[in-house]
Amino acid sequence: MKYDLVVIGSGPSGQKGAIAAAKLNKRVAIIERNSSQIGGVCLHTGTIPSKTMREAILHLTGYKHRDIYTERYRRKRRITMADLQRSVASVNHREMEVIEDQLTRNSVDIYAGEARFVDPHTVEVTRDGDSIKLETEHVLLAVGTRPDRNPSTPFDGQCVFDSDELLNIDHIPRSMIVVGGGVIGIEYAIMFATLGVNVTVVDGRDQLLGFCDKEIVDTLLYHARSIGMVFRLGENVVKINRLAEDRAAIELESGKRLVAESVLMAVGRTGDTEGLNLQAAGLKPDARGRVECNEHHETAVSHIYGVGDVVGFPALASVSMEQGRRAVAHMFGEVEREYQTMPYGLFTIPEISMIGENEEELTARKVPYEVGVARFREIAKGQIVGDRMGLLKLLFHRDTRKVLGVHVIGDSATEIVHIGQAVMQFDGTIDYFRDTVFNYPTMAECYKVAAFDGLNKISLDLQLEQEISQHETSILEQVDELVAEVSSVIQPVADEETVAAGDVN
């Protein structure tokens, strides 16, 4: 079988890459290990299941309405894993149908089986002892990642498990230790804490989510602690032991010992490149199974491209989709604009989203900036939805007023950040938000409130500068007057002394 493009992996980057090539009238094949796994990690164990579970938890616990209808309000008194799994299965089924339909409508051939390179232009697909070889002009590696598993950790899928296995545990534990405070670890930790689970997060770093705005992270951690979460930061795990009665103990380097009913290992992910025989294609993955690419997503072998989580940061489904499309455009000679600033979304509770630079980055670059803040408790819609902790920050240049960054935590953060993104895309200024009419009451109104807050600070600073300038001018005028008075007294005396000296001569 001969193709213009063979895509290995059917996650977001693989899907969009395959369809983009099909739109260019190329013959395309896409390979996935199992026909029931179309959609890849994103659909089956990653983005979609975790976000569906989060939404189910918010709904079933009545989380969003607790401040309005009191803490005792909840839609379901006893929530089980079966409730959450039922919600995930429903969304998973519908999404897989959509993906399969899109690929079929665009005439993309789907192969189920294990893929491995025979040579740089040949990929073999093996399933149930049968195999077929696909010859291709180009290859798009979109194999994603899998949880990093230490061989010494006693994984059993129920008491000690990774983020993939978490979806299949049979009950909601009373206590949980989450090892790893990255995005995945924090998202799941807060979800289960919202369910009433006693959650402890252990991480070797002193600060979590270092790429986020510090004030936003502080707000998130304040909320997390308010619902009972405990953070053991700067602590490294030495050993994990299984105990009797379905419990586990974690030994820390500091000598502490933590015991819980369950342990979620979220210490990172590794590229799912094992078994691909990349050496036959002339490629070598790094220590974490990732593939190195240039800005066009080309690997060291020019006709083989890498996209999605397997190429590393930022490892976001939204970015992966764009990478797949852009990689295909480049491989077939289509001209694309350079990457624009992309938003980040963390589906914690409350959710976080951001685009552009944060205060720490602007300070390091010595950029003169100002901050405009809108707190959700000041917004009518914030009161309506019961979110009194959220906030939106606008960072803008003091001189040009150009918007430099938008940082949001709270209800609908991942949605409303796109308003700021659109303005930044066109080099807009904070004046846009001041002069624009937003629907009322909406969360989007935060932009107008934040804009007025920031512009008021500049206005006050200008007034202060003018007052100082006027004060300095007044002082200088007084000094000039004193000098003139002194001169008027000194000059006649000097003149008399000069005359007297002349008489002597």
Protein backbone atom coordinates (compact mmCIF):
# COMPACT_ATOMS: atom_id res chain seq x y z
CA MET A 1 0.00 0.00 0.00
CA LYS A 2 1.43 3.38 -1.02
CA TYR A 3 0.54 6.67 0.62
CA ASP A 4 1.56 10.31 0.53
CA LEU A 5 1.35 10.41 4.32
CA VAL A 6 1.19 7.81 7.08
CA VAL A 7 0.15 9.15 10.49
CA ILE A 8 1.10 7.08 13.54
CA GLY A 9 -1.32 7.91 16.34
CA SER A 10 -4.93 9.10 16.21
CA GLY A 11 -4.88 11.70 19.00
CA PRO A 12 -5.62 15.40 18.39
CA SER A 13 -2.41 16.09 16.45
CA GLY A 14 -2.72 12.93 14.35
CA GLN A 15 -6.39 13.56 13.52
CA LYS A 16 -5.89 17.15 12.44
CA GLY A 17 -2.74 16.31 10.51
CA ALA A 18 -4.43 13.47 8.63
CA ILE A 19 -7.47 15.56 7.75
CA ALA A 20 -5.32 18.54 6.70
CA ALA A 21 -3.40 16.29 4.29
CA ALA A 22 -6.64 14.79 2.94
CA LYS A 23 -7.91 18.33 2.26
CA LEU A 24 -4.83 18.79 0.05
CA ASN A 25 -5.93 15.71 -1.96
CA LYS A 26 -3.20 13.51 -0.52
CA ARG A 27 -3.63 9.80 0.08
CA VAL A 28 -3.49 9.36 3.84
CA ALA A 29 -3.42 6.46 6.31
CA ILE A 30 -3.66 6.68 10.09
CA ILE A 31 -2.54 3.93 12.46
CA GLU A 32 -3.93 3.27 15.95
CA ARG A 33 -3.09 0.29 18.17
CA ASN A 34 -6.70 -0.76 18.62
CA SER A 35 -9.84 0.13 16.70
CA SER A 36 -11.55 0.84 20.05
CA GLN A 37 -8.85 3.40 20.88
CA ILE A 38 -9.43 5.83 18.00
CA GLY A 39 -8.86 9.27 19.48
CA GLY A 40 -5.73 8.24 21.34
CA VAL A 41 -4.76 9.09 24.90
CA CYS A 42 -6.63 12.41 24.72
CA LEU A 43 -10.00 10.69 24.29
CA HIS A 44 -9.54 7.52 26.31
CA THR A 45 -7.28 8.20 29.30
CA GLY A 46 -6.27 11.87 29.22
CA THR A 47 -7.96 15.16 28.42
CA ILE A 48 -11.55 14.15 27.70
CA PRO A 49 -12.02 11.64 30.56
CA SER A 50 -10.43 13.90 33.18
CA LYS A 51 -12.42 16.96 32.12
CA THR A 52 -15.63 14.94 31.90
CA MET A 53 -14.99 13.57 35.39
CA ARG A 54 -14.34 17.09 36.65
CA GLU A 55 -17.63 18.36 35.23
CA ALA A 56 -19.51 15.40 36.70
CA ILE A 57 -18.00 16.12 40.13
CA LEU A 58 -18.97 19.80 39.94
CA HIS A 59 -22.52 18.84 38.98
CA LEU A 60 -23.07 15.99 41.42
CA THR A 61 -21.57 17.80 44.40
CA GLY A 62 -23.36 21.06 43.64
CA TYR A 63 -19.97 22.74 44.05
CA LYS A 64 -20.82 25.83 42.01
CA HIS A 65 -23.88 26.59 44.13
CA ARG A 66 -22.60 25.90 47.64
CA ASP A 67 -22.06 29.58 48.43
CA ILE A 68 -25.63 30.33 47.36
CA TYR A 69 -27.54 27.34 48.70
CA THR A 70 -25.24 26.65 51.67
CA GLU A 71 -22.57 23.99 52.07
CA ARG A 72 -25.11 21.22 52.57
CA TYR A 73 -26.53 21.62 49.07
CA ARG A 74 -25.60 18.86 46.65
CA ARG A 75 -27.46 17.12 43.84
CA LYS A 76 -26.45 13.59 44.93
CA ARG A 77 -25.74 12.57 48.49
CA ARG A 78 -23.57 9.55 47.76
CA ILE A 79 -21.33 9.76 44.72
CA THR A 80 -19.62 6.62 43.44
CA MET A 81 -16.94 5.88 40.86
CA ALA A 82 -19.65 4.23 38.79
CA ASP A 83 -21.41 7.62 38.53
CA LEU A 84 -18.25 9.24 37.23
CA GLN A 85 -17.36 6.35 34.92
CA ARG A 86 -20.85 6.40 33.42
CA SER A 87 -20.44 10.04 32.48
CA VAL A 88 -16.99 9.41 30.98
CA ALA A 89 -18.20 6.43 28.94
CA SER A 90 -21.08 8.43 27.45
CA VAL A 91 -18.87 11.30 26.27
CA ASN A 92 -16.16 8.89 25.09
CA HIS A 93 -18.59 6.95 22.90
CA ARG A 94 -20.01 10.04 21.22
CA GLU A 95 -16.62 11.65 20.64
CA MET A 96 -15.18 8.48 19.09
CA GLU A 97 -18.10 8.37 16.66
CA VAL A 98 -17.40 11.97 15.65
CA ILE A 99 -13.68 11.30 15.08
CA GLU A 100 -14.28 8.15 13.06
CA ASP A 101 -16.87 9.97 10.95
CA GLN A 102 -14.48 12.86 10.25
CA LEU A 103 -11.69 10.53 9.17
CA THR A 104 -14.01 8.43 6.99
CA ARG A 105 -15.61 11.46 5.32
CA ASN A 106 -12.15 12.71 4.38
CA SER A 107 -11.18 9.31 2.91
CA VAL A 108 -8.45 8.62 5.48
CA ASP A 109 -7.67 4.89 5.69
CA ILE A 110 -7.65 3.61 9.29
CA TYR A 111 -5.35 0.73 10.32
CA ALA A 112 -5.54 -0.95 13.71
CA GLY A 113 -2.36 -2.55 15.05
CA GLU A 114 1.17 -2.01 16.30
CA ALA A 115 3.27 0.23 14.06
CA ARG A 116 7.02 -0.15 13.52
CA PHE A 117 9.46 1.25 10.99
CA VAL A 118 11.02 -1.16 8.51
CA ASP A 119 12.98 1.65 6.88
CA PRO A 120 12.56 5.44 6.68
CA HIS A 121 9.75 5.15 4.11
CA THR A 122 8.07 1.92 5.20
CA VAL A 123 5.86 1.32 8.23
CA GLU A 124 4.66 -2.16 9.14
CA VAL A 125 1.35 -2.61 10.95
CA THR A 126 0.91 -5.86 12.93
CA ARG A 127 -2.28 -7.20 14.47
CA ASP A 128 -3.14 -10.71 15.71
CA GLY A 129 -0.14 -12.18 13.89
CA ASP A 130 -1.00 -10.57 10.55
CA SER A 131 0.96 -7.66 9.12
CA ILE A 132 0.83 -5.20 6.27
CA LYS A 133 3.52 -2.81 5.01
CA LEU A 134 2.67 0.78 4.15
CA GLU A 135 5.03 2.69 1.86
CA THR A 136 4.90 6.45 2.26
CA GLU A 137 6.50 9.70 1.17
CA HIS A 138 6.03 11.31 4.57
CA VAL A 139 5.42 10.19 8.16
CA LEU A 140 3.74 12.11 10.97
CA LEU A 141 4.68 10.82 14.44
CA ALA A 142 1.77 11.59 16.75
CA VAL A 143 2.09 8.74 19.23
CA GLY A 144 1.58 10.77 22.40
CA THR A 145 2.84 9.78 25.84
CA ARG A 146 2.12 7.34 28.65
CA PRO A 147 2.54 7.67 32.44
CA ASP A 148 6.12 7.34 33.66
CA ARG A 149 6.25 4.23 35.87
CA ASN A 150 9.10 3.46 38.25
CA PRO A 151 9.69 -0.34 38.34
CA SER A 152 10.12 -0.22 42.13
CA THR A 153 6.63 1.24 42.67
CA PRO A 154 4.08 -1.47 43.62
CA PHE A 155 1.36 -0.56 41.10
CA ASP A 156 -1.79 -2.66 41.45
CA GLY A 157 -4.39 -0.48 39.74
CA GLN A 158 -6.54 -0.04 42.87
CA CYS A 159 -4.44 1.03 45.84
CA VAL A 160 -1.41 2.37 43.94
CA PHE A 161 -2.16 3.58 40.44
CA ASP A 162 -1.21 6.06 37.71
CA SER A 163 -3.48 8.57 35.94
CA ASP A 164 -4.54 5.99 33.33
CA GLU A 165 -5.51 3.41 35.94
CA LEU A 166 -7.34 5.96 38.11
CA LEU A 167 -10.26 5.90 35.67
CA ASN A 168 -10.87 2.22 36.49
CA ILE A 169 -10.62 2.13 40.29
CA ASP A 170 -13.72 0.50 41.79
CA HIS A 171 -14.48 2.99 44.56
CA ILE A 172 -13.77 6.51 45.77
CA PRO A 173 -11.13 6.19 48.52
CA ARG A 174 -11.39 8.01 51.83
CA SER A 175 -7.80 9.27 51.59
CA MET A 176 -5.32 9.76 48.76
CA ILE A 177 -1.67 10.75 48.42
CA VAL A 178 -0.83 12.35 45.08
CA VAL A 179 2.86 12.07 44.22
CA GLY A 180 3.65 14.84 41.76
CA GLY A 181 2.26 18.38 41.79
CA GLY A 182 2.26 19.01 38.06
CA VAL A 183 -0.83 19.79 36.00
CA ILE A 184 -2.21 16.23 36.01
CA GLY A 185 -1.51 15.66 39.70
CA ILE A 186 -3.07 18.95 40.81
CA GLU A 187 -6.13 18.55 38.60
CA TYR A 188 -6.97 15.10 39.98
CA ALA A 189 -6.00 16.04 43.55
CA ILE A 190 -8.48 18.93 43.68
CA MET A 191 -11.19 16.86 42.00
CA PHE A 192 -11.05 14.19 44.68
CA ALA A 193 -10.71 16.75 47.47
CA THR A 194 -13.94 18.31 46.19
CA LEU A 195 -15.55 14.88 46.62
CA GLY A 196 -14.50 14.94 50.28
CA VAL A 197 -11.41 12.74 49.99
CA ASN A 198 -8.52 13.61 52.33
CA VAL A 199 -5.81 14.52 49.82
CA THR A 200 -2.10 15.12 50.39
CA VAL A 201 0.12 16.33 47.54
CA VAL A 202 3.83 15.48 47.67
CA ASP A 203 6.27 17.23 45.33
CA GLY A 204 10.03 17.76 45.33
CA ARG A 205 9.71 21.37 44.18
CA ASP A 206 9.23 24.28 46.57
CA GLN A 207 6.75 25.97 44.22
CA LEU A 208 4.02 24.38 42.13
CA LEU A 209 3.01 25.35 38.60
CA GLY A 210 6.02 27.59 38.17
CA PHE A 211 4.97 28.64 34.65
CA CYS A 212 1.81 30.32 36.00
CA ASP A 213 1.38 33.77 37.49
CA LYS A 214 2.34 33.56 41.18
CA GLU A 215 -0.75 35.38 42.46
CA ILE A 216 -2.97 33.01 40.49
CA VAL A 217 -1.20 29.95 41.94
CA ASP A 218 -1.42 31.40 45.45
CA THR A 219 -5.17 31.81 44.98
CA LEU A 220 -5.51 28.21 43.82
CA LEU A 221 -3.50 26.85 46.76
CA TYR A 222 -5.49 28.99 49.21
CA HIS A 223 -8.68 27.41 47.90
CA ALA A 224 -7.15 23.92 47.93
CA ARG A 225 -6.15 24.28 51.58
CA SER A 226 -9.59 25.67 52.44
CA ILE A 227 -11.15 22.34 51.37
CA GLY A 228 -8.67 20.35 53.44
CA MET A 229 -5.82 19.58 51.05
CA VAL A 230 -2.33 19.24 52.51
CA PHE A 231 0.85 20.07 50.57
CA ARG A 232 4.23 18.51 51.33
CA LEU A 233 6.52 20.57 49.10
CA GLY A 234 10.28 20.17 48.82
CA GLU A 235 9.82 16.51 49.78
CA ASN A 236 11.14 13.58 47.76
CA VAL A 237 9.66 10.07 47.90
CA VAL A 238 12.13 7.35 48.86
CA LYS A 239 9.88 4.32 48.94
CA ILE A 240 6.26 3.20 48.63
CA ASN A 241 5.05 0.16 50.59
CA ARG A 242 1.76 -1.71 50.40
CA LEU A 243 0.19 -2.29 53.81
CA ALA A 244 -2.59 -4.59 54.96
CA GLU A 245 -6.23 -3.55 54.63
CA ASP A 246 -5.72 -1.87 51.25
CA ARG A 247 -3.48 0.93 52.44
CA ALA A 248 -0.11 2.24 51.33
CA ALA A 249 2.71 4.04 53.11
CA ILE A 250 5.08 6.54 51.57
CA GLU A 251 8.53 7.10 53.04
CA LEU A 252 9.95 10.59 52.42
CA GLU A 253 13.59 11.59 52.24
CA SER A 254 13.06 13.83 55.27
CA GLY A 255 12.07 10.81 57.35
CA LYS A 256 8.33 11.48 57.31
CA ARG A 257 5.92 8.61 56.75
CA LEU A 258 2.53 9.18 55.12
CA VAL A 259 -0.24 6.57 55.07
CA ALA A 260 -3.37 6.63 52.90
CA GLU A 261 -5.95 4.35 51.37
CA SER A 262 -4.70 5.15 47.86
CA VAL A 263 -1.70 6.61 46.03
CA LEU A 264 -1.85 8.37 42.68
CA MET A 265 1.51 8.50 40.92
CA ALA A 266 1.65 11.57 38.67
CA VAL A 267 5.38 12.09 38.31
CA GLY A 268 5.49 12.80 34.61
CA ARG A 269 4.98 11.13 31.27
CA THR A 270 7.23 9.50 28.71
CA GLY A 271 6.96 9.40 24.91
CA ASP A 272 5.15 6.28 23.65
CA THR A 273 7.90 5.45 21.15
CA GLU A 274 8.97 2.07 22.47
CA GLY A 275 8.37 -0.59 19.81
CA LEU A 276 8.37 1.85 16.88
CA ASN A 277 11.90 0.77 15.90
CA LEU A 278 12.85 4.40 15.33
CA GLN A 279 16.44 3.38 14.67
CA ALA A 280 15.34 1.85 11.37
CA ALA A 281 14.03 5.26 10.37
CA GLY A 282 17.24 7.01 11.42
CA LEU A 283 15.83 8.52 14.61
CA LYS A 284 16.78 8.26 18.26
CA PRO A 285 14.42 9.33 21.06
CA ASP A 286 15.72 11.07 24.17
CA ALA A 287 15.81 9.52 27.65
CA ARG A 288 12.08 10.20 28.11
CA GLY A 289 11.08 8.73 24.75
CA ARG A 290 10.51 12.11 23.13
CA VAL A 291 11.45 13.07 19.57
CA GLU A 292 13.37 16.27 18.87
CA CYS A 293 11.98 18.55 16.15
CA ASN A 294 12.69 21.99 14.69
CA GLU A 295 10.25 24.90 14.54
CA HIS A 296 8.52 23.29 11.54
CA HIS A 297 8.19 19.96 13.41
CA GLU A 298 10.75 18.25 11.19
CA THR A 299 12.84 15.57 12.87
CA ALA A 300 16.45 14.77 11.98
CA VAL A 301 14.99 12.81 9.04
CA SER A 302 13.44 15.52 6.88
CA HIS A 303 10.36 13.61 5.65
CA ILE A 304 9.42 12.47 9.18
CA TYR A 305 7.64 15.02 11.38
CA GLY A 306 6.83 14.91 15.10
CA VAL A 307 3.81 16.56 16.73
CA GLY A 308 1.83 16.48 19.96
CA ASP A 309 2.95 15.37 23.39
CA VAL A 310 5.76 13.18 22.02
CA VAL A 311 7.75 16.32 21.14
CA GLY A 312 7.46 17.70 24.71
CA PHE A 313 6.31 21.06 26.05
CA PRO A 314 3.62 22.37 26.14
CA ALA A 315 1.83 19.02 25.67
CA LEU A 316 -1.65 20.54 25.37
CA ALA A 317 -4.38 19.05 23.19
CA SER A 318 -5.21 22.48 21.78
CA VAL A 319 -1.61 23.13 20.75
CA SER A 320 -1.20 19.58 19.44
CA MET A 321 -4.07 20.07 16.99
CA GLU A 322 -2.41 23.14 15.57
CA GLN A 323 0.96 21.40 15.41
CA GLY A 324 -0.53 18.57 13.35
CA ARG A 325 -2.10 20.95 10.88
CA ARG A 326 1.00 23.14 10.56
CA ALA A 327 3.36 20.18 10.17
CA VAL A 328 1.33 18.87 7.25
CA ALA A 329 1.17 22.33 5.68
CA HIS A 330 4.96 22.56 5.83
CA MET A 331 5.64 19.06 4.51
CA PHE A 332 3.49 19.73 1.42
CA GLY A 333 4.75 23.24 0.75
CA GLU A 334 1.85 25.28 2.12
CA VAL A 335 2.75 28.69 3.57
CA GLU A 336 1.61 29.34 7.14
CA ARG A 337 1.88 32.39 9.37
CA GLU A 338 4.23 32.10 12.32
CA TYR A 339 2.88 30.84 15.61
CA GLN A 340 0.93 33.38 17.60
CA THR A 341 0.80 33.43 21.39
CA MET A 342 -1.25 30.46 22.57
CA PRO A 343 -3.44 30.15 25.65
CA TYR A 344 -2.96 27.63 28.44
CA GLY A 345 -5.79 26.05 30.37
CA LEU A 346 -5.61 24.14 33.65
CA PHE A 347 -8.85 22.40 34.58
CA THR A 348 -8.31 22.59 38.29
CA ILE A 349 -11.13 23.63 40.63
CA PRO A 350 -11.33 26.57 40.15
CA GLU A 351 -9.95 26.50 36.61
CA ILE A 352 -6.99 28.59 35.48
CA SER A 353 -6.17 30.04 32.09
CA MET A 354 -3.55 32.44 30.78
CA ILE A 355 -2.01 33.91 27.68
CA GLY A 356 1.06 36.08 27.25
CA GLU A 357 3.66 36.95 29.85
CA ASN A 358 3.23 37.01 33.62
CA GLU A 359 4.48 39.58 36.14
CA GLU A 360 7.64 37.64 36.97
CA GLU A 361 8.64 37.42 33.30
CA LEU A 362 7.95 41.10 32.62
CA THR A 363 9.91 42.10 35.72
CA ALA A 364 12.88 39.99 34.62
CA ARG A 365 12.81 41.71 31.22
CA LYS A 366 12.53 45.14 32.88
CA VAL A 367 9.33 45.98 30.99
CA PRO A 368 7.40 48.94 32.47
CA TYR A 369 3.97 47.42 32.98
CA GLU A 370 0.83 48.04 34.98
CA VAL A 371 -1.81 45.63 36.30
CA GLY A 372 -5.58 45.88 36.10
CA VAL A 373 -7.54 43.47 38.31
CA ALA A 374 -11.20 42.46 38.40
CA ARG A 375 -12.35 40.24 41.23
CA PHE A 376 -15.31 37.99 40.56
CA ARG A 377 -16.98 39.05 43.82
CA GLU A 378 -17.24 42.55 42.30
CA ILE A 379 -18.99 41.21 39.18
CA ALA A 380 -22.73 40.59 39.19
CA LYS A 381 -22.29 37.31 37.27
CA GLY A 382 -19.71 36.21 39.81
CA GLN A 383 -22.31 36.63 42.56
CA ILE A 384 -24.93 34.83 40.46
CA VAL A 385 -22.77 31.74 39.87
CA GLY A 386 -21.40 31.79 43.41
CA ASP A 387 -17.75 32.45 42.55
CA ARG A 388 -16.33 34.97 45.00
CA MET A 389 -12.71 33.89 44.81
CA GLY A 390 -11.93 34.23 41.11
CA LEU A 391 -10.06 37.10 39.52
CA LEU A 392 -8.86 38.37 36.15
CA LYS A 393 -5.55 40.20 35.69
CA LEU A 394 -4.67 42.34 32.70
CA LEU A 395 -0.99 43.19 32.24
CA PHE A 396 -0.27 46.08 29.89
CA HIS A 397 2.62 48.35 28.91
CA ARG A 398 2.57 51.64 30.82
CA ASP A 399 3.63 53.73 27.81
CA THR A 400 2.03 52.03 24.79
CA ARG A 401 -0.88 50.47 26.74
CA LYS A 402 -0.44 47.31 24.67
CA VAL A 403 -1.91 44.21 26.35
CA LEU A 404 0.96 41.93 27.40
CA GLY A 405 -0.80 39.17 29.31
CA VAL A 406 -4.14 37.92 30.61
CA HIS A 407 -4.35 35.64 33.67
CA VAL A 408 -7.62 34.25 35.00
CA ILE A 409 -8.68 31.95 37.81
CA GLY A 410 -12.29 31.06 38.47
CA ASP A 411 -15.50 30.08 36.74
CA SER A 412 -15.25 30.06 32.90
CA ALA A 413 -11.56 31.06 33.00
CA THR A 414 -10.70 28.83 30.03
CA GLU A 415 -13.50 30.43 28.01
CA ILE A 416 -13.13 34.14 28.73
CA VAL A 417 -9.34 34.14 28.23
CA HIS A 418 -9.99 34.03 24.48
CA ILE A 419 -11.37 37.57 24.53
CA GLY A 420 -7.96 38.77 25.68
CA GLN A 421 -6.29 36.47 23.16
CA ALA A 422 -8.17 38.10 20.27
CA VAL A 423 -7.13 41.60 21.36
CA MET A 424 -3.50 40.55 21.85
CA GLN A 425 -3.47 38.89 18.41
CA PHE A 426 -4.03 42.29 16.82
CA ASP A 427 -1.63 44.18 19.13
CA GLY A 428 -4.57 45.80 20.87
CA THR A 429 -4.37 48.12 23.84
CA ILE A 430 -6.20 48.15 27.16
CA ASP A 431 -8.30 51.02 25.81
CA TYR A 432 -10.26 48.45 23.77
CA PHE A 433 -11.70 46.96 26.94
CA ARG A 434 -12.50 50.39 28.37
CA ASP A 435 -14.39 51.46 25.24
CA THR A 436 -16.19 48.18 24.44
CA VAL A 437 -19.71 47.35 25.60
CA PHE A 438 -19.97 43.84 27.10
CA ASN A 439 -23.23 42.01 27.75
CA TYR A 440 -24.42 42.37 31.34
CA PRO A 441 -24.30 40.39 33.53
CA THR A 442 -21.48 38.25 32.11
CA MET A 443 -18.04 37.12 33.18
CA ALA A 444 -16.65 39.01 30.16
CA GLU A 445 -17.44 42.22 32.05
CA CYS A 446 -14.30 41.47 34.07
CA TYR A 447 -12.25 42.88 31.19
CA LYS A 448 -13.91 46.29 31.47
CA VAL A 449 -13.55 46.40 35.25
CA ALA A 450 -9.88 45.33 35.04
CA ALA A 451 -9.23 47.92 32.32
CA PHE A 452 -10.64 50.75 34.46
CA ASP A 453 -8.63 49.50 37.43
CA GLY A 454 -5.39 49.55 35.44
CA LEU A 455 -6.06 52.87 33.73
CA ASN A 456 -6.99 54.48 37.06
CA LYS A 457 -3.57 53.50 38.42
CA ILE A 458 -1.88 55.19 35.47
CA SER A 459 -4.11 58.24 35.88
CA LEU A 460 -3.23 58.52 39.57
CA ASP A 461 0.46 58.13 38.77
CA LEU A 462 0.22 60.90 36.14
CA GLN A 463 -1.54 63.17 38.61
CA LEU A 464 1.15 62.48 41.19
CA GLU A 465 3.87 63.18 38.61
CA GLN A 466 2.17 66.44 37.65
CA GLU A 467 1.87 67.48 41.30
CA ILE A 468 5.54 66.66 41.88
CA SER A 469 6.49 68.54 38.73
CA GLN A 470 4.41 71.54 39.76
CA HIS A 471 5.91 71.41 43.24
CA GLU A 472 9.44 71.26 41.81
CA THR A 473 8.63 74.18 39.47
CA SER A 474 7.29 76.19 42.39
CA ILE A 475 10.43 75.52 44.42
CA LEU A 476 12.64 76.51 41.49
CA GLU A 477 10.67 79.73 41.04
CA GLN A 478 11.07 80.52 44.74
CA VAL A 479 14.80 79.85 44.49
CA ASP A 480 15.03 82.18 41.46
CA GLU A 481 13.20 84.90 43.39
CA LEU A 482 15.57 84.50 46.36
CA VAL A 483 18.58 84.65 44.05
CA ALA A 484 17.20 87.81 42.44
CA GLU A 485 16.63 89.44 45.85
CA VAL A 486 20.11 88.52 47.05
CA SER A 487 21.59 89.80 43.78
CA SER A 488 19.72 93.11 44.15
CA VAL A 489 21.35 93.59 47.57
CA ILE A 490 24.83 92.37 46.68
CA GLN A 491 25.22 94.18 43.35
CA PRO A 492 25.06 97.82 44.71
CA VAL A 493 27.60 96.96 47.41
CA ALA A 494 29.85 95.43 44.80
CA ASP A 495 29.53 98.53 42.64
CA GLU A 496 30.48 100.82 45.55
CA GLU A 497 33.53 98.71 46.37
CA THR A 498 34.58 98.91 42.73
CA VAL A 499 34.30 102.74 42.73
CA ALA A 500 36.22 102.95 45.99
CA ALA A 501 38.97 100.81 44.57
CA GLY A 502 39.16 103.09 41.56
CA ASP A 503 39.61 106.16 43.78
CA VAL A 504 42.47 104.52 45.58
CA ASN A 505 44.19 103.78 42.29
